[in-house]
C-alpha atoms as a PDB file:
ATOM      1  CA  MET A   1       5.989  91.023 139.104  1.00  0.00           C
ATOM      2  CA  ALA A   2       6.600  89.222 136.259  1.00  0.00           C
ATOM      3  CA  GLU A   3       7.139  91.208 132.665  1.00  0.00           C
ATOM      4  CA  PRO A   4       5.256  89.861 129.654  1.00  0.00           C
ATOM      5  CA  VAL A   5       8.092  89.264 126.345  1.00  0.00           C
ATOM      6  CA  THR A   6       6.276  91.087 123.264  1.00  0.00           C
ATOM      7  CA  ASP A   7       7.206  88.387 120.454  1.00  0.00           C
ATOM      8  CA  GLY A   8       9.010  86.090 122.833  1.00  0.00           C
ATOM      9  CA  SER A   9       9.843  82.762 121.317  1.00  0.00           C
ATOM     10  CA  MET A  10      10.695  79.321 121.959  1.00  0.00           C
ATOM     11  CA  HIS A  11      12.085  76.953 119.835  1.00  0.00           C
ATOM     12  CA  ARG A  12      13.786  73.175 119.583  1.00  0.00           C
ATOM     13  CA  ALA A  13      15.837  72.299 117.062  1.00  0.00           C
ATOM     14  CA  GLN A  14      17.153  69.039 115.619  1.00  0.00           C
ATOM     15  CA  LEU A  15      19.786  69.209 113.533  1.00  0.00           C
ATOM     16  CA  THR A  16      21.139  65.775 111.850  1.00  0.00           C
ATOM     17  CA  GLN A  17      24.850  65.900 111.861  1.00  0.00           C
ATOM     18  CA  GLY A  18      26.327  68.410 109.612  1.00  0.00           C
ATOM     19  CA  THR A  19      23.382  70.377 109.358  1.00  0.00           C
ATOM     20  CA  VAL A  20      24.880  73.881 108.862  1.00  0.00           C
ATOM     21  CA  ILE A  21      23.293  77.200 110.337  1.00  0.00           C
ATOM     22  CA  PRO A  22      24.955  80.046 107.933  1.00  0.00           C
ATOM     23  CA  CYS A  23      25.783  83.492 109.506  1.00  0.00           C
ATOM     24  CA  HIS A  24      22.600  85.383 110.418  1.00  0.00           C
ATOM     25  CA  THR A  25      21.318  88.678 113.556  1.00  0.00           C
ATOM     26  CA  HIS A  26      18.247  88.862 114.811  1.00  0.00           C
ATOM     27  CA  PRO A  27      16.983  91.992 115.995  1.00  0.00           C
ATOM     28  CA  ALA A  28      16.179  89.694 120.219  1.00  0.00           C
ATOM     29  CA  ASP A  29      18.534  88.866 122.671  1.00  0.00           C
ATOM     30  CA  GLU A  30      18.224  85.175 121.666  1.00  0.00           C
ATOM     31  CA  PHE A  31      19.595  82.326 124.307  1.00  0.00           C
ATOM     32  CA  VAL A  32      21.144  79.285 123.074  1.00  0.00           C
ATOM     33  CA  PHE A  33      20.745  75.622 125.047  1.00  0.00           C
ATOM     34  CA  VAL A  34      23.164  72.301 123.614  1.00  0.00           C
ATOM     35  CA  MET A  35      20.889  70.345 125.034  1.00  0.00           C
ATOM     36  CA  SER A  36      22.011  67.495 124.006  1.00  0.00           C
ATOM     37  CA  GLY A  37      24.691  66.526 120.621  1.00  0.00           C
ATOM     38  CA  ILE A  38      27.951  68.906 119.962  1.00  0.00           C
ATOM     39  CA  LEU A  39      27.275  71.902 117.459  1.00  0.00           C
ATOM     40  CA  GLU A  40      30.139  74.468 116.523  1.00  0.00           C
ATOM     41  CA  THR A  41      29.492  78.488 116.499  1.00  0.00           C
ATOM     42  CA  ALA A  42      32.584  80.453 114.606  1.00  0.00           C
ATOM     43  CA  GLY A  43      34.885  78.171 115.562  1.00  0.00           C
ATOM     44  CA  ARG A  44      33.882  77.494 119.042  1.00  0.00           C
ATOM     45  CA  ARG A  45      32.866  73.756 119.722  1.00  0.00           C
ATOM     46  CA  CYS A  46      29.662  74.103 121.361  1.00  0.00           C
ATOM     47  CA  GLU A  47      29.080  70.280 123.999  1.00  0.00           C
ATOM     48  CA  SER A  48      25.781  68.973 125.310  1.00  0.00           C
ATOM     49  CA  GLY A  49      25.115  71.965 128.437  1.00  0.00           C
ATOM     50  CA  THR A  50      26.171  74.101 127.231  1.00  0.00           C
ATOM     51  CA  PHE A  51      24.315  77.380 127.673  1.00  0.00           C
ATOM     52  CA  TRP A  52      25.336  81.436 125.533  1.00  0.00           C
ATOM     53  CA  THR A  53      23.867  84.197 125.305  1.00  0.00           C
ATOM     54  CA  THR A  54      24.033  86.675 121.858  1.00  0.00           C
ATOM     55  CA  PRO A  55      22.784  90.657 122.001  1.00  0.00           C
ATOM     56  CA  ALA A  56      19.710  91.664 119.156  1.00  0.00           C
ATOM     57  CA  ASN A  57      21.808  92.944 116.190  1.00  0.00           C
ATOM     58  CA  THR A  58      24.956  90.501 116.500  1.00  0.00           C
ATOM     59  CA  ARG A  59      25.770  88.636 113.551  1.00  0.00           C
ATOM     60  CA  GLN A  60      25.908  85.517 114.516  1.00  0.00           C
ATOM     61  CA  GLY A  61      27.510  82.218 113.183  1.00  0.00           C
ATOM     62  CA  PRO A  62      27.696  79.704 111.355  1.00  0.00           C
ATOM     63  CA  HIS A  63      26.362  77.113 113.342  1.00  0.00           C
ATOM     64  CA  VAL A  64      27.660  73.413 112.410  1.00  0.00           C
ATOM     65  CA  ALA A  65      26.097  70.288 113.845  1.00  0.00           C
ATOM     66  CA  ILE A  66      29.386  68.227 114.148  1.00  0.00           C
ATOM     67  CA  THR A  67      26.447  65.409 115.611  1.00  0.00           C
ATOM     68  CA  ASP A  68      22.952  64.999 115.695  1.00  0.00           C
ATOM     69  CA  THR A  69      22.154  67.936 118.066  1.00  0.00           C
ATOM     70  CA  GLU A  70      19.390  69.059 120.002  1.00  0.00           C
ATOM     71  CA  ILE A  71      19.154  72.882 121.099  1.00  0.00           C
ATOM     72  CA  LEU A  72      16.542  75.257 122.853  1.00  0.00           C
ATOM     73  CA  THR A  73      16.606  79.049 121.291  1.00  0.00           C
ATOM     74  CA  ILE A  74      14.664  81.437 123.616  1.00  0.00           C
ATOM     75  CA  ARG A  75      14.453  84.758 122.134  1.00  0.00           C
ATOM     76  CA  LEU A  76      13.087  88.131 124.031  1.00  0.00           C
ATOM     77  CA  GLY A  77      11.457  89.668 121.041  1.00  0.00           C
ATOM     78  CA  ALA A  78      10.585  88.665 117.159  1.00  0.00           C
ATOM     79  CA  LEU A  79      12.229  86.269 115.301  1.00  0.00           C
ATOM     80  CA  GLY A  80      12.809  88.599 112.192  1.00  0.00           C
ATOM     81  CA  GLU A  81      14.180  88.456 108.469  1.00  0.00           C
ATOM     82  CA  PHE A  82      16.956  86.133 108.256  1.00  0.00           C
ATOM     83  CA  GLU A  83      19.415  87.734 106.906  1.00  0.00           C
END
């Protein structure tokens, strides 16, 4: 049976080429899917169709939009403060 996720969220972000999201953490597990474009994260090149997960409280990034990029992010809990 499905269990509701308290404070879970899903976000679609459109990043213009050159956008940088600095290193940060979240208090919940995070799943990211690159819908279009190319995003570099922590030195790894992620093209359209790439999917990755980051465990809660793990430092991630920076995320750099190499091209105009669209991502879908799902968090299994609160977003938390941007650190």
